[in-house]
């Protein structure tokens, strides 16, 4: 196997890892976002932007069995603020 083939396979593996981890990090980022929203106080414009950005997570929360884990995770971050 030549070095160019190895590099292309390495790039493909890296892209695959990123494609798998990015959605996980997106869902987990809702916690720190809640922390910031709680710590900064009432700001309707920021809250509306967060609702739009995190609509997929809100949808998962409302329509799947992930309700309890998401709720516990968000409450953990709310308690930190």
Protein backbone atom coordinates (compact mmCIF):
# COMPACT_ATOMS: atom_id res chain seq x y z
CA UNK A 1 0.00 0.00 0.00
CA UNK A 2 1.55 3.31 -1.02
CA UNK A 3 1.60 6.40 1.16
CA UNK A 4 -1.05 8.19 -0.89
CA UNK A 5 -3.56 5.39 -0.32
CA UNK A 6 -2.80 5.39 3.40
CA UNK A 7 -3.29 9.14 3.56
CA UNK A 8 -6.63 8.97 1.78
CA UNK A 9 -7.77 6.19 4.12
CA UNK A 10 -6.59 8.21 7.11
CA UNK A 11 -8.52 11.22 5.85
CA UNK A 12 -11.60 9.07 5.35
CA UNK A 13 -11.28 7.66 8.87
CA UNK A 14 -10.90 11.16 10.32
CA UNK A 15 -13.95 12.38 8.39
CA UNK A 16 -15.94 9.40 9.66
CA UNK A 17 -14.95 10.06 13.27
CA UNK A 18 -15.87 13.73 12.92
CA UNK A 19 -19.20 12.84 11.28
CA UNK A 20 -20.01 10.53 14.18
CA UNK A 21 -18.83 12.83 16.98
CA UNK A 22 -20.27 16.11 15.71
CA UNK A 23 -23.92 15.22 16.41
CA UNK A 24 -22.97 13.94 19.86
CA UNK A 25 -21.14 17.15 20.71
CA UNK A 26 -24.07 19.18 19.34
CA UNK A 27 -26.55 17.43 21.65
CA UNK A 28 -24.16 17.71 24.61
CA UNK A 29 -23.65 21.43 23.94
CA UNK A 30 -27.22 22.08 25.05
CA UNK A 31 -26.04 21.79 28.66
CA UNK A 32 -23.48 24.61 28.55
CA UNK A 33 -25.98 26.67 26.53
CA UNK A 34 -28.53 26.28 29.32
CA UNK A 35 -25.83 27.28 31.80
CA UNK A 36 -25.14 30.49 29.86
CA UNK A 37 -28.84 31.28 29.53
CA UNK A 38 -29.38 30.78 33.26
CA UNK A 39 -26.26 32.73 34.25
CA UNK A 40 -27.01 35.75 32.06
CA UNK A 41 -30.55 36.22 33.26
CA UNK A 42 -33.65 36.90 31.20
CA UNK A 43 -32.85 37.70 27.58
CA UNK A 44 -35.72 36.84 25.25
CA UNK A 45 -33.69 37.35 22.09
CA UNK A 46 -30.98 34.94 23.25
CA UNK A 47 -33.60 32.43 24.41
CA UNK A 48 -35.35 32.54 21.03
CA UNK A 49 -32.05 32.00 19.21
CA UNK A 50 -31.27 29.02 21.43
CA UNK A 51 -34.73 27.55 20.78
CA UNK A 52 -34.14 27.76 17.04
CA UNK A 53 -30.58 26.40 17.19
CA UNK A 54 -31.52 23.55 19.52
CA UNK A 55 -34.84 22.69 17.86
CA UNK A 56 -33.63 19.16 16.97
CA UNK A 57 -32.72 18.51 20.62
CA UNK A 58 -36.06 19.92 21.76
CA UNK A 59 -37.76 17.65 19.24
CA UNK A 60 -35.86 14.62 20.62
CA UNK A 61 -36.85 15.66 24.12
CA UNK A 62 -40.53 15.98 23.24
CA UNK A 63 -40.98 12.92 21.02
CA UNK A 64 -38.54 10.18 22.04
CA UNK A 65 -37.65 8.12 25.10
CA UNK A 66 -34.65 10.42 25.53
CA UNK A 67 -36.85 12.81 27.52
CA UNK A 68 -35.57 11.73 30.94
CA UNK A 69 -31.84 11.66 30.12
CA UNK A 70 -32.02 15.05 28.37
CA UNK A 71 -34.01 16.51 31.24
CA UNK A 72 -31.54 15.23 33.83
CA UNK A 73 -28.60 16.56 31.81
CA UNK A 74 -30.18 20.01 31.39
CA UNK A 75 -31.13 20.15 35.09
CA UNK A 76 -27.52 19.34 36.01
CA UNK A 77 -26.35 22.38 34.04
CA UNK A 78 -29.14 24.56 35.43
CA UNK A 79 -28.04 23.66 38.96
CA UNK A 80 -24.49 24.76 38.13
CA UNK A 81 -25.73 28.21 37.17
